[in-house]
Amino acid sequence: MKTDDLIALLANDPGPVPRNAIEQRFALALLAGLACALVLMLALFGLNPRLLQDMALPVFWGKLVFAALLAAGCLAVLRRLARPGMGLGHSLALLALPPLVLWGLAAVALGQANPGERLPLVLGSTWRSCAFNIAALSVPALAASLWALRGAAPTRLAWAGAGAGLLAGALGALAYALHCPEMAAPFLAVWYLAGMALPTLAGAWLGPRVLRW
């Protein structure tokens, strides 16, 4: 095919790109990733037997709100990373706020605890498996988030991949919270964030390999 013919074919009635096309892809990725994470959680771990009792506790809802707000911050960052040349603006502040608040609550809880109680507050009873479980539940959401970015035009590929991984980790943590019996802020501040860090690192590695255009 001649160059002129190829250009004419590419330019033949391309049609306008929907204004919110990127946001729509991320919304679809978020719903699919969360749904898959919930199904995996039920299949692999099951609901916490004390879930109904825990739902009466403010700290249970705080755990869910933390993961949801972190996911919202990730979306704010990703919608900017998905567009070439767009600065991050205030989206980084939205992303940083949930972990900072959680770390502050953890510091207060550890400061108020007796020295002998501090390590149990950090370790809980599931520290050996928590981070890996969250990472496992995040795998479908990571694939969906990378798919959403593939339909955009990111130029900072490692950062975009890391953002997709962190979003996936937040969705995995949101699903895992319905199984996890842990409530202490020090535990969440260490092991939930460790679980989110694993898909974040995986996304940073995958980004330059699967998002190149």
N, C-alpha and C. Protein backbone atom coordinates (compact mmCIF):
# COMPACT_ATOMS: atom_id res chain seq x y z
N MET A 1 0.84 -1.20 0.00
CA MET A 1 0.00 0.00 0.00
C MET A 1 0.88 1.24 0.00
N LYS A 2 0.52 2.21 -0.83
CA LYS A 2 1.28 3.44 -0.88
C LYS A 2 1.01 4.28 0.37
N THR A 3 1.98 5.14 0.65
CA THR A 3 1.85 6.00 1.84
C THR A 3 0.62 6.86 1.78
N ASP A 4 0.36 7.46 0.63
CA ASP A 4 -0.81 8.33 0.48
C ASP A 4 -2.11 7.55 0.70
N ASP A 5 -2.13 6.31 0.21
CA ASP A 5 -3.33 5.49 0.41
C ASP A 5 -3.53 5.16 1.89
N LEU A 6 -2.41 4.88 2.59
CA LEU A 6 -2.50 4.58 4.01
C LEU A 6 -3.00 5.77 4.80
N ILE A 7 -2.48 6.96 4.50
CA ILE A 7 -2.92 8.18 5.19
C ILE A 7 -4.40 8.41 4.93
N ALA A 8 -4.83 8.22 3.68
CA ALA A 8 -6.24 8.42 3.35
C ALA A 8 -7.13 7.42 4.10
N LEU A 9 -6.65 6.18 4.23
CA LEU A 9 -7.42 5.16 4.94
C LEU A 9 -7.54 5.49 6.42
N LEU A 10 -6.44 5.94 7.02
CA LEU A 10 -6.47 6.28 8.44
C LEU A 10 -7.35 7.49 8.72
N ALA A 11 -7.38 8.41 7.77
CA ALA A 11 -8.14 9.64 7.97
C ALA A 11 -9.57 9.54 7.49
N ASN A 12 -9.98 8.38 7.00
CA ASN A 12 -11.31 8.22 6.42
C ASN A 12 -12.37 8.18 7.52
N ASP A 13 -13.06 9.30 7.68
CA ASP A 13 -14.17 9.40 8.61
C ASP A 13 -13.84 8.83 9.99
N PRO A 14 -12.81 9.38 10.66
CA PRO A 14 -12.44 8.82 11.96
C PRO A 14 -13.48 9.03 13.04
N GLY A 15 -14.27 10.08 12.92
CA GLY A 15 -15.29 10.36 13.93
C GLY A 15 -14.68 10.97 15.18
N PRO A 16 -15.46 11.74 15.92
CA PRO A 16 -14.94 12.38 17.13
C PRO A 16 -14.75 11.37 18.26
N VAL A 17 -13.74 11.63 19.08
CA VAL A 17 -13.50 10.80 20.27
C VAL A 17 -14.41 11.31 21.39
N PRO A 18 -15.16 10.43 22.05
CA PRO A 18 -16.03 10.88 23.15
C PRO A 18 -15.23 11.65 24.20
N ARG A 19 -15.85 12.70 24.74
CA ARG A 19 -15.16 13.57 25.68
C ARG A 19 -14.66 12.81 26.90
N ASN A 20 -15.45 11.88 27.38
CA ASN A 20 -15.09 11.16 28.62
C ASN A 20 -14.70 9.72 28.34
N ALA A 21 -14.07 9.48 27.20
CA ALA A 21 -13.74 8.10 26.83
C ALA A 21 -12.80 7.46 27.84
N ILE A 22 -11.79 8.19 28.30
CA ILE A 22 -10.84 7.63 29.25
C ILE A 22 -11.53 7.32 30.58
N GLU A 23 -12.35 8.27 31.04
CA GLU A 23 -13.05 8.05 32.30
C GLU A 23 -13.98 6.84 32.21
N GLN A 24 -14.61 6.66 31.06
CA GLN A 24 -15.50 5.52 30.89
C GLN A 24 -14.73 4.20 30.93
N ARG A 25 -13.53 4.19 30.32
CA ARG A 25 -12.71 2.97 30.38
C ARG A 25 -12.28 2.66 31.80
N PHE A 26 -11.91 3.69 32.56
CA PHE A 26 -11.50 3.46 33.94
C PHE A 26 -12.69 3.03 34.80
N ALA A 27 -13.86 3.58 34.55
CA ALA A 27 -15.04 3.16 35.30
C ALA A 27 -15.34 1.69 35.05
N LEU A 28 -15.22 1.27 33.79
CA LEU A 28 -15.45 -0.13 33.46
C LEU A 28 -14.39 -1.01 34.10
N ALA A 29 -13.12 -0.57 34.06
CA ALA A 29 -12.04 -1.34 34.67
C ALA A 29 -12.24 -1.45 36.18
N LEU A 30 -12.67 -0.36 36.81
CA LEU A 30 -12.88 -0.37 38.26
C LEU A 30 -13.98 -1.36 38.63
N LEU A 31 -15.11 -1.30 37.92
CA LEU A 31 -16.22 -2.20 38.24
C LEU A 31 -15.83 -3.66 38.01
N ALA A 32 -15.15 -3.92 36.88
CA ALA A 32 -14.75 -5.29 36.58
C ALA A 32 -13.72 -5.78 37.59
N GLY A 33 -12.74 -4.93 37.92
CA GLY A 33 -11.71 -5.34 38.87
C GLY A 33 -12.27 -5.61 40.25
N LEU A 34 -13.17 -4.74 40.71
CA LEU A 34 -13.76 -4.94 42.03
C LEU A 34 -14.64 -6.18 42.06
N ALA A 35 -15.43 -6.38 41.01
CA ALA A 35 -16.30 -7.55 40.96
C ALA A 35 -15.48 -8.84 40.98
N CYS A 36 -14.41 -8.87 40.20
CA CYS A 36 -13.55 -10.07 40.18
C CYS A 36 -12.87 -10.28 41.52
N ALA A 37 -12.44 -9.19 42.16
CA ALA A 37 -11.80 -9.31 43.46
C ALA A 37 -12.78 -9.87 44.50
N LEU A 38 -14.03 -9.44 44.45
CA LEU A 38 -15.03 -9.95 45.38
C LEU A 38 -15.30 -11.43 45.15
N VAL A 39 -15.40 -11.82 43.87
CA VAL A 39 -15.63 -13.23 43.56
C VAL A 39 -14.45 -14.08 44.03
N LEU A 40 -13.24 -13.61 43.77
CA LEU A 40 -12.05 -14.34 44.22
C LEU A 40 -12.00 -14.45 45.74
N MET A 41 -12.34 -13.34 46.42
CA MET A 41 -12.34 -13.36 47.88
C MET A 41 -13.31 -14.41 48.41
N LEU A 42 -14.50 -14.45 47.83
CA LEU A 42 -15.49 -15.44 48.28
C LEU A 42 -15.02 -16.87 47.98
N ALA A 43 -14.38 -17.05 46.82
CA ALA A 43 -13.95 -18.39 46.43
C ALA A 43 -12.74 -18.87 47.24
N LEU A 44 -11.81 -17.96 47.51
CA LEU A 44 -10.56 -18.36 48.16
C LEU A 44 -10.63 -18.29 49.68
N PHE A 45 -11.31 -17.28 50.21
CA PHE A 45 -11.25 -17.02 51.64
C PHE A 45 -12.61 -17.07 52.33
N GLY A 46 -13.63 -16.59 51.68
CA GLY A 46 -14.95 -16.52 52.30
C GLY A 46 -15.12 -15.28 53.15
N LEU A 47 -16.35 -14.98 53.48
CA LEU A 47 -16.64 -13.82 54.32
C LEU A 47 -16.20 -14.08 55.76
N ASN A 48 -15.86 -13.01 56.43
CA ASN A 48 -15.53 -13.09 57.85
C ASN A 48 -16.77 -13.58 58.62
N PRO A 49 -16.67 -14.64 59.40
CA PRO A 49 -17.84 -15.13 60.15
C PRO A 49 -18.42 -14.08 61.08
N ARG A 50 -17.61 -13.13 61.49
CA ARG A 50 -18.08 -12.07 62.40
C ARG A 50 -18.43 -10.79 61.65
N LEU A 51 -18.69 -10.90 60.35
CA LEU A 51 -18.88 -9.71 59.54
C LEU A 51 -20.05 -8.86 60.05
N LEU A 52 -21.17 -9.49 60.38
CA LEU A 52 -22.33 -8.73 60.83
C LEU A 52 -22.04 -7.98 62.12
N GLN A 53 -21.33 -8.63 63.05
CA GLN A 53 -20.96 -7.93 64.29
C GLN A 53 -19.97 -6.81 64.00
N ASP A 54 -19.01 -7.06 63.11
CA ASP A 54 -18.02 -6.04 62.80
C ASP A 54 -18.64 -4.82 62.12
N MET A 55 -19.72 -5.03 61.38
CA MET A 55 -20.35 -3.92 60.68
C MET A 55 -20.95 -2.90 61.64
N ALA A 56 -21.09 -3.28 62.89
CA ALA A 56 -21.58 -2.34 63.90
C ALA A 56 -20.47 -1.45 64.45
N LEU A 57 -19.22 -1.72 64.05
CA LEU A 57 -18.07 -0.98 64.56
C LEU A 57 -17.63 0.10 63.57
N PRO A 58 -17.39 1.32 64.05
CA PRO A 58 -16.91 2.38 63.14
C PRO A 58 -15.59 2.02 62.46
N VAL A 59 -14.71 1.29 63.16
CA VAL A 59 -13.41 0.97 62.58
C VAL A 59 -13.55 0.08 61.35
N PHE A 60 -14.58 -0.75 61.30
CA PHE A 60 -14.80 -1.57 60.11
C PHE A 60 -15.08 -0.69 58.91
N TRP A 61 -15.95 0.28 59.07
CA TRP A 61 -16.28 1.18 57.97
C TRP A 61 -15.10 2.08 57.63
N GLY A 62 -14.30 2.42 58.64
CA GLY A 62 -13.09 3.19 58.37
C GLY A 62 -12.13 2.44 57.47
N LYS A 63 -12.04 1.12 57.66
CA LYS A 63 -11.19 0.28 56.82
C LYS A 63 -11.66 0.34 55.37
N LEU A 64 -12.96 0.26 55.16
CA LEU A 64 -13.51 0.32 53.81
C LEU A 64 -13.33 1.71 53.20
N VAL A 65 -13.58 2.73 54.00
CA VAL A 65 -13.44 4.11 53.49
C VAL A 65 -12.00 4.39 53.10
N PHE A 66 -11.04 3.90 53.88
CA PHE A 66 -9.64 4.09 53.53
C PHE A 66 -9.33 3.53 52.15
N ALA A 67 -9.72 2.27 51.91
CA ALA A 67 -9.44 1.65 50.61
C ALA A 67 -10.18 2.36 49.49
N ALA A 68 -11.42 2.76 49.74
CA ALA A 68 -12.20 3.44 48.70
C ALA A 68 -11.61 4.80 48.36
N LEU A 69 -11.18 5.56 49.38
CA LEU A 69 -10.60 6.88 49.12
C LEU A 69 -9.26 6.75 48.40
N LEU A 70 -8.49 5.71 48.74
CA LEU A 70 -7.23 5.50 48.04
C LEU A 70 -7.48 5.16 46.57
N ALA A 71 -8.49 4.34 46.31
CA ALA A 71 -8.84 4.03 44.93
C ALA A 71 -9.27 5.30 44.18
N ALA A 72 -10.03 6.17 44.84
CA ALA A 72 -10.44 7.42 44.21
C ALA A 72 -9.24 8.30 43.90
N GLY A 73 -8.28 8.36 44.82
CA GLY A 73 -7.06 9.12 44.56
C GLY A 73 -6.28 8.56 43.39
N CYS A 74 -6.22 7.22 43.29
CA CYS A 74 -5.54 6.58 42.16
C CYS A 74 -6.21 6.95 40.85
N LEU A 75 -7.53 6.95 40.83
CA LEU A 75 -8.25 7.31 39.61
C LEU A 75 -7.95 8.75 39.20
N ALA A 76 -7.88 9.65 40.19
CA ALA A 76 -7.58 11.04 39.89
C ALA A 76 -6.20 11.19 39.25
N VAL A 77 -5.24 10.41 39.74
CA VAL A 77 -3.89 10.44 39.17
C VAL A 77 -3.86 9.79 37.80
N LEU A 78 -4.52 8.65 37.66
CA LEU A 78 -4.45 7.90 36.42
C LEU A 78 -5.10 8.63 35.25
N ARG A 79 -6.19 9.34 35.50
CA ARG A 79 -6.84 10.05 34.40
C ARG A 79 -5.95 11.15 33.86
N ARG A 80 -4.98 11.61 34.65
CA ARG A 80 -4.01 12.59 34.18
C ARG A 80 -2.81 11.91 33.52
N LEU A 81 -2.36 10.81 34.12
CA LEU A 81 -1.26 10.08 33.51
C LEU A 81 -1.65 9.48 32.16
N ALA A 82 -2.93 9.25 31.96
CA ALA A 82 -3.38 8.65 30.70
C ALA A 82 -3.34 9.63 29.55
N ARG A 83 -3.19 10.93 29.84
CA ARG A 83 -3.18 11.95 28.79
C ARG A 83 -1.76 12.52 28.69
N PRO A 84 -1.17 12.52 27.51
CA PRO A 84 0.21 13.02 27.38
C PRO A 84 0.29 14.51 27.68
N GLY A 85 1.32 14.86 28.45
CA GLY A 85 1.59 16.26 28.72
C GLY A 85 0.75 16.88 29.81
N MET A 86 -0.15 16.14 30.44
CA MET A 86 -1.01 16.70 31.49
C MET A 86 -0.31 16.58 32.83
N GLY A 87 -0.24 17.69 33.57
CA GLY A 87 0.35 17.66 34.90
C GLY A 87 -0.55 16.94 35.89
N LEU A 88 0.02 16.58 37.02
CA LEU A 88 -0.75 15.83 38.01
C LEU A 88 -1.59 16.73 38.90
N GLY A 89 -1.26 18.02 38.97
CA GLY A 89 -2.07 18.96 39.73
C GLY A 89 -2.21 18.55 41.19
N HIS A 90 -3.45 18.65 41.68
CA HIS A 90 -3.72 18.33 43.09
C HIS A 90 -4.04 16.85 43.28
N SER A 91 -3.98 16.06 42.22
CA SER A 91 -4.37 14.66 42.35
C SER A 91 -3.42 13.90 43.28
N LEU A 92 -2.15 14.29 43.34
CA LEU A 92 -1.21 13.61 44.24
C LEU A 92 -1.60 13.83 45.70
N ALA A 93 -2.13 15.00 46.01
CA ALA A 93 -2.59 15.25 47.39
C ALA A 93 -3.74 14.33 47.74
N LEU A 94 -4.67 14.12 46.80
CA LEU A 94 -5.79 13.21 47.04
C LEU A 94 -5.29 11.78 47.25
N LEU A 95 -4.23 11.43 46.52
CA LEU A 95 -3.67 10.09 46.65
C LEU A 95 -2.93 9.91 47.97
N ALA A 96 -2.22 10.94 48.40
CA ALA A 96 -1.39 10.82 49.61
C ALA A 96 -2.20 10.93 50.89
N LEU A 97 -3.36 11.58 50.85
CA LEU A 97 -4.10 11.86 52.08
C LEU A 97 -4.53 10.60 52.83
N PRO A 98 -5.14 9.58 52.19
CA PRO A 98 -5.57 8.40 52.97
C PRO A 98 -4.43 7.70 53.70
N PRO A 99 -3.28 7.41 53.05
CA PRO A 99 -2.20 6.78 53.83
C PRO A 99 -1.69 7.65 54.97
N LEU A 100 -1.61 8.96 54.75
CA LEU A 100 -1.12 9.84 55.81
C LEU A 100 -2.05 9.82 57.01
N VAL A 101 -3.35 9.85 56.76
CA VAL A 101 -4.32 9.79 57.86
C VAL A 101 -4.20 8.46 58.59
N LEU A 102 -4.09 7.36 57.82
CA LEU A 102 -3.97 6.05 58.45
C LEU A 102 -2.70 5.96 59.28
N TRP A 103 -1.58 6.45 58.76
CA TRP A 103 -0.34 6.42 59.53
C TRP A 103 -0.46 7.27 60.79
N GLY A 104 -1.16 8.40 60.69
CA GLY A 104 -1.37 9.22 61.88
C GLY A 104 -2.18 8.49 62.94
N LEU A 105 -3.26 7.81 62.52
CA LEU A 105 -4.07 7.03 63.46
C LEU A 105 -3.26 5.89 64.07
N ALA A 106 -2.40 5.27 63.24
CA ALA A 106 -1.56 4.18 63.76
C ALA A 106 -0.58 4.71 64.79
N ALA A 107 0.00 5.86 64.53
CA ALA A 107 0.95 6.44 65.48
C ALA A 107 0.27 6.77 66.80
N VAL A 108 -0.94 7.28 66.74
CA VAL A 108 -1.68 7.59 67.97
C VAL A 108 -1.98 6.31 68.74
N ALA A 109 -2.44 5.27 68.02
CA ALA A 109 -2.76 4.01 68.69
C ALA A 109 -1.53 3.40 69.35
N LEU A 110 -0.40 3.44 68.67
CA LEU A 110 0.83 2.88 69.26
C LEU A 110 1.31 3.73 70.43
N GLY A 111 1.13 5.05 70.33
CA GLY A 111 1.55 5.92 71.41
C GLY A 111 0.73 5.73 72.66
N GLN A 112 -0.55 5.36 72.51
CA GLN A 112 -1.42 5.17 73.66
C GLN A 112 -1.31 3.77 74.25
N ALA A 113 -0.73 2.84 73.50
CA ALA A 113 -0.64 1.45 73.97
C ALA A 113 0.55 1.27 74.89
N ASN A 114 0.46 0.28 75.76
CA ASN A 114 1.60 -0.10 76.58
C ASN A 114 2.68 -0.72 75.69
N PRO A 115 3.94 -0.62 76.09
CA PRO A 115 5.03 -1.17 75.25
C PRO A 115 4.81 -2.62 74.85
N GLY A 116 4.29 -3.43 75.74
CA GLY A 116 4.08 -4.84 75.42
C GLY A 116 2.94 -5.09 74.45
N GLU A 117 2.08 -4.09 74.25
CA GLU A 117 0.93 -4.25 73.36
C GLU A 117 1.21 -3.77 71.94
N ARG A 118 2.33 -3.09 71.74
CA ARG A 118 2.56 -2.44 70.45
C ARG A 118 2.81 -3.44 69.33
N LEU A 119 3.66 -4.41 69.57
CA LEU A 119 3.94 -5.39 68.52
C LEU A 119 2.70 -6.19 68.13
N PRO A 120 1.88 -6.67 69.08
CA PRO A 120 0.64 -7.34 68.69
C PRO A 120 -0.30 -6.44 67.87
N LEU A 121 -0.31 -5.15 68.14
CA LEU A 121 -1.14 -4.25 67.35
C LEU A 121 -0.67 -4.20 65.89
N VAL A 122 0.63 -4.30 65.69
CA VAL A 122 1.17 -4.27 64.33
C VAL A 122 1.00 -5.61 63.63
N LEU A 123 1.23 -6.69 64.34
CA LEU A 123 1.22 -8.02 63.72
C LEU A 123 -0.17 -8.61 63.62
N GLY A 124 -1.05 -8.28 64.56
CA GLY A 124 -2.36 -8.91 64.55
C GLY A 124 -2.22 -10.42 64.62
N SER A 125 -3.15 -11.13 63.96
CA SER A 125 -3.09 -12.60 63.92
C SER A 125 -2.90 -13.12 62.49
N THR A 126 -2.87 -12.20 61.50
CA THR A 126 -2.81 -12.66 60.10
C THR A 126 -1.71 -11.97 59.30
N TRP A 127 -0.68 -11.47 59.98
CA TRP A 127 0.31 -10.68 59.26
C TRP A 127 1.08 -11.50 58.24
N ARG A 128 1.19 -12.80 58.44
CA ARG A 128 1.95 -13.62 57.50
C ARG A 128 1.27 -13.73 56.13
N SER A 129 -0.03 -13.61 56.09
CA SER A 129 -0.76 -13.86 54.84
C SER A 129 -1.45 -12.62 54.27
N CYS A 130 -1.67 -11.60 55.08
CA CYS A 130 -2.51 -10.48 54.67
C CYS A 130 -2.03 -9.83 53.38
N ALA A 131 -0.77 -9.43 53.33
CA ALA A 131 -0.27 -8.71 52.16
C ALA A 131 -0.37 -9.55 50.89
N PHE A 132 -0.06 -10.84 51.00
CA PHE A 132 -0.10 -11.70 49.83
C PHE A 132 -1.55 -11.94 49.37
N ASN A 133 -2.47 -12.02 50.33
CA ASN A 133 -3.87 -12.20 49.97
C ASN A 133 -4.41 -10.99 49.21
N ILE A 134 -4.07 -9.80 49.70
CA ILE A 134 -4.50 -8.57 49.00
C ILE A 134 -3.91 -8.53 47.60
N ALA A 135 -2.63 -8.87 47.49
CA ALA A 135 -1.99 -8.87 46.18
C ALA A 135 -2.66 -9.86 45.23
N ALA A 136 -3.03 -11.04 45.74
CA ALA A 136 -3.68 -12.03 44.90
C ALA A 136 -5.03 -11.53 44.40
N LEU A 137 -5.79 -10.88 45.27
CA LEU A 137 -7.10 -10.37 44.87
C LEU A 137 -6.99 -9.21 43.89
N SER A 138 -5.83 -8.58 43.84
CA SER A 138 -5.66 -7.41 42.97
C SER A 138 -5.33 -7.77 41.52
N VAL A 139 -5.01 -9.02 41.26
CA VAL A 139 -4.54 -9.40 39.91
C VAL A 139 -5.56 -9.06 38.83
N PRO A 140 -6.85 -9.42 38.97
CA PRO A 140 -7.80 -9.05 37.91
C PRO A 140 -7.92 -7.54 37.72
N ALA A 141 -7.91 -6.79 38.82
CA ALA A 141 -8.02 -5.34 38.72
C ALA A 141 -6.79 -4.73 38.05
N LEU A 142 -5.62 -5.32 38.27
CA LEU A 142 -4.41 -4.83 37.59
C LEU A 142 -4.53 -5.03 36.09
N ALA A 143 -4.99 -6.20 35.68
CA ALA A 143 -5.18 -6.45 34.25
C ALA A 143 -6.21 -5.48 33.66
N ALA A 144 -7.30 -5.25 34.38
CA ALA A 144 -8.33 -4.33 33.88
C ALA A 144 -7.81 -2.90 33.81
N SER A 145 -7.03 -2.48 34.80
CA SER A 145 -6.50 -1.11 34.80
C SER A 145 -5.50 -0.90 33.67
N LEU A 146 -4.66 -1.89 33.43
CA LEU A 146 -3.72 -1.79 32.31
C LEU A 146 -4.46 -1.78 30.97
N TRP A 147 -5.54 -2.54 30.89
CA TRP A 147 -6.38 -2.48 29.68
C TRP A 147 -6.93 -1.09 29.46
N ALA A 148 -7.40 -0.45 30.54
CA ALA A 148 -7.92 0.90 30.41
C ALA A 148 -6.84 1.87 29.92
N LEU A 149 -5.63 1.73 30.44
CA LEU A 149 -4.54 2.60 30.01
C LEU A 149 -4.12 2.32 28.58
N ARG A 150 -4.26 1.09 28.14
CA ARG A 150 -3.90 0.75 26.77
C ARG A 150 -4.76 1.50 25.76
N GLY A 151 -5.95 1.89 26.15
CA GLY A 151 -6.82 2.64 25.26
C GLY A 151 -6.58 4.13 25.33
N ALA A 152 -5.63 4.56 26.14
CA ALA A 152 -5.30 5.98 26.27
C ALA A 152 -3.93 6.22 25.64
N ALA A 153 -3.28 7.30 26.06
CA ALA A 153 -1.97 7.63 25.47
C ALA A 153 -0.99 8.06 26.55
N PRO A 154 -0.70 7.18 27.53
CA PRO A 154 0.26 7.56 28.57
C PRO A 154 1.67 7.66 28.01
N THR A 155 2.43 8.59 28.54
CA THR A 155 3.84 8.73 28.15
C THR A 155 4.78 8.37 29.30
N ARG A 156 4.34 8.49 30.53
CA ARG A 156 5.13 8.11 31.70
C ARG A 156 4.72 6.68 32.07
N LEU A 157 5.27 5.73 31.33
CA LEU A 157 4.73 4.37 31.35
C LEU A 157 4.92 3.67 32.69
N ALA A 158 6.09 3.82 33.31
CA ALA A 158 6.31 3.17 34.60
C ALA A 158 5.39 3.75 35.66
N TRP A 159 5.24 5.07 35.67
CA TRP A 159 4.37 5.71 36.64
C TRP A 159 2.91 5.33 36.40
N ALA A 160 2.52 5.28 35.13
CA ALA A 160 1.14 4.88 34.82
C ALA A 160 0.90 3.44 35.26
N GLY A 161 1.87 2.56 35.00
CA GLY A 161 1.73 1.19 35.45
C GLY A 161 1.66 1.07 36.95
N ALA A 162 2.48 1.87 37.66
CA ALA A 162 2.44 1.86 39.12
C ALA A 162 1.09 2.35 39.62
N GLY A 163 0.55 3.38 38.99
CA GLY A 163 -0.77 3.86 39.38
C GLY A 163 -1.84 2.81 39.18
N ALA A 164 -1.75 2.09 38.06
CA ALA A 164 -2.70 1.00 37.82
C ALA A 164 -2.56 -0.08 38.89
N GLY A 165 -1.32 -0.38 39.28
CA GLY A 165 -1.10 -1.38 40.32
C GLY A 165 -1.63 -0.95 41.67
N LEU A 166 -1.45 0.33 42.00
CA LEU A 166 -1.95 0.82 43.28
C LEU A 166 -3.47 0.83 43.31
N LEU A 167 -4.09 1.21 42.18
CA LEU A 167 -5.55 1.13 42.10
C LEU A 167 -6.02 -0.31 42.30
N ALA A 168 -5.34 -1.24 41.64
CA ALA A 168 -5.69 -2.65 41.79
C ALA A 168 -5.52 -3.10 43.24
N GLY A 169 -4.44 -2.66 43.90
CA GLY A 169 -4.23 -3.01 45.29
C GLY A 169 -5.32 -2.46 46.20
N ALA A 170 -5.76 -1.24 45.93
CA ALA A 170 -6.84 -0.66 46.74
C ALA A 170 -8.13 -1.44 46.56
N LEU A 171 -8.42 -1.85 45.33
CA LEU A 171 -9.63 -2.65 45.10
C LEU A 171 -9.50 -4.03 45.74
N GLY A 172 -8.29 -4.61 45.67
CA GLY A 172 -8.08 -5.88 46.35
C GLY A 172 -8.26 -5.76 47.85
N ALA A 173 -7.76 -4.66 48.43
CA ALA A 173 -7.92 -4.44 49.87
C ALA A 173 -9.39 -4.22 50.24
N LEU A 174 -10.11 -3.54 49.36
CA LEU A 174 -11.54 -3.30 49.61
C LEU A 174 -12.30 -4.61 49.68
N ALA A 175 -11.98 -5.52 48.77
CA ALA A 175 -12.63 -6.83 48.80
C ALA A 175 -12.15 -7.66 50.00
N TYR A 176 -10.86 -7.62 50.27
CA TYR A 176 -10.30 -8.44 51.34
C TYR A 176 -10.82 -8.00 52.71
N ALA A 177 -11.20 -6.73 52.85
CA ALA A 177 -11.69 -6.23 54.13
C ALA A 177 -12.94 -6.98 54.59
N LEU A 178 -13.68 -7.57 53.65
CA LEU A 178 -14.88 -8.31 54.02
C LEU A 178 -14.55 -9.69 54.59
N HIS A 179 -13.31 -10.11 54.42
CA HIS A 179 -12.85 -11.37 55.01
C HIS A 179 -11.97 -11.13 56.23
N CYS A 180 -11.17 -10.09 56.19
CA CYS A 180 -10.13 -9.87 57.19
C CYS A 180 -10.72 -9.50 58.55
N PRO A 181 -10.28 -10.15 59.63
CA PRO A 181 -10.80 -9.83 60.96
C PRO A 181 -10.05 -8.68 61.64
N GLU A 182 -8.95 -8.23 61.04
CA GLU A 182 -8.11 -7.22 61.69
C GLU A 182 -8.77 -5.84 61.66
N MET A 183 -8.63 -5.11 62.76
CA MET A 183 -9.22 -3.78 62.86
C MET A 183 -8.22 -2.71 63.29
N ALA A 184 -7.09 -3.11 63.87
CA ALA A 184 -6.17 -2.14 64.45
C ALA A 184 -5.51 -1.30 63.36
N ALA A 185 -5.47 0.01 63.59
CA ALA A 185 -4.86 0.91 62.62
C ALA A 185 -3.39 0.58 62.36
N PRO A 186 -2.58 0.22 63.38
CA PRO A 186 -1.18 -0.13 63.09
C PRO A 186 -1.06 -1.32 62.14
N PHE A 187 -1.92 -2.31 62.30
CA PHE A 187 -1.90 -3.46 61.39
C PHE A 187 -2.22 -3.00 59.97
N LEU A 188 -3.29 -2.23 59.82
CA LEU A 188 -3.69 -1.78 58.48
C LEU A 188 -2.61 -0.91 57.85
N ALA A 189 -1.98 -0.07 58.65
CA ALA A 189 -0.99 0.86 58.14
C ALA A 189 0.24 0.14 57.60
N VAL A 190 0.50 -1.06 58.10
CA VAL A 190 1.67 -1.83 57.64
C VAL A 190 1.27 -2.83 56.57
N TRP A 191 0.36 -3.73 56.91
CA TRP A 191 0.14 -4.90 56.05
C TRP A 191 -0.81 -4.63 54.90
N TYR A 192 -1.81 -3.79 55.09
CA TYR A 192 -2.67 -3.44 53.95
C TYR A 192 -1.87 -2.66 52.91
N LEU A 193 -1.06 -1.73 53.38
CA LEU A 193 -0.26 -0.96 52.42
C LEU A 193 0.83 -1.82 51.80
N ALA A 194 1.35 -2.80 52.54
CA ALA A 194 2.31 -3.73 51.94
C ALA A 194 1.64 -4.55 50.85
N GLY A 195 0.40 -4.97 51.10
CA GLY A 195 -0.33 -5.71 50.08
C GLY A 195 -0.59 -4.88 48.84
N MET A 196 -0.81 -3.59 49.00
CA MET A 196 -1.01 -2.71 47.85
C MET A 196 0.31 -2.41 47.14
N ALA A 197 1.41 -2.43 47.90
CA ALA A 197 2.71 -2.14 47.29
C ALA A 197 3.12 -3.22 46.29
N LEU A 198 2.72 -4.46 46.52
CA LEU A 198 3.12 -5.55 45.62
C LEU A 198 2.57 -5.36 44.21
N PRO A 199 1.26 -5.13 44.01
CA PRO A 199 0.79 -4.86 42.66
C PRO A 199 1.29 -3.52 42.11
N THR A 200 1.59 -2.57 42.99
CA THR A 200 2.16 -1.31 42.52
C THR A 200 3.51 -1.54 41.86
N LEU A 201 4.36 -2.34 42.51
CA LEU A 201 5.67 -2.67 41.93
C LEU A 201 5.50 -3.48 40.64
N ALA A 202 4.55 -4.41 40.65
CA ALA A 202 4.30 -5.20 39.44
C ALA A 202 3.84 -4.31 38.30
N GLY A 203 2.97 -3.35 38.60
CA GLY A 203 2.50 -2.44 37.57
C GLY A 203 3.60 -1.55 37.03
N ALA A 204 4.50 -1.09 37.91
CA ALA A 204 5.62 -0.27 37.45
C ALA A 204 6.52 -1.06 36.51
N TRP A 205 6.68 -2.36 36.77
CA TRP A 205 7.49 -3.20 35.89
C TRP A 205 6.77 -3.47 34.57
N LEU A 206 5.46 -3.70 34.64
CA LEU A 206 4.70 -4.03 33.44
C LEU A 206 4.44 -2.82 32.56
N GLY A 207 4.32 -1.64 33.17
CA GLY A 207 3.94 -0.45 32.42
C GLY A 207 4.75 -0.23 31.15
N PRO A 208 6.09 -0.14 31.23
CA PRO A 208 6.87 0.09 30.01
C PRO A 208 6.78 -1.05 29.00
N ARG A 209 6.33 -2.21 29.44
CA ARG A 209 6.28 -3.36 28.54
C ARG A 209 4.93 -3.52 27.86
N VAL A 210 3.84 -3.14 28.52
CA VAL A 210 2.52 -3.37 27.93
C VAL A 210 1.82 -2.08 27.51
N LEU A 211 2.33 -0.93 27.93
CA LEU A 211 1.68 0.34 27.61
C LEU A 211 2.36 1.10 26.49
N ARG A 212 3.46 0.56 25.98
CA ARG A 212 4.19 1.26 24.92
C ARG A 212 3.31 1.40 23.68
N TRP A 213 3.34 2.58 23.05
CA TRP A 213 2.52 2.82 21.86
C TRP A 213 3.32 3.63 20.84
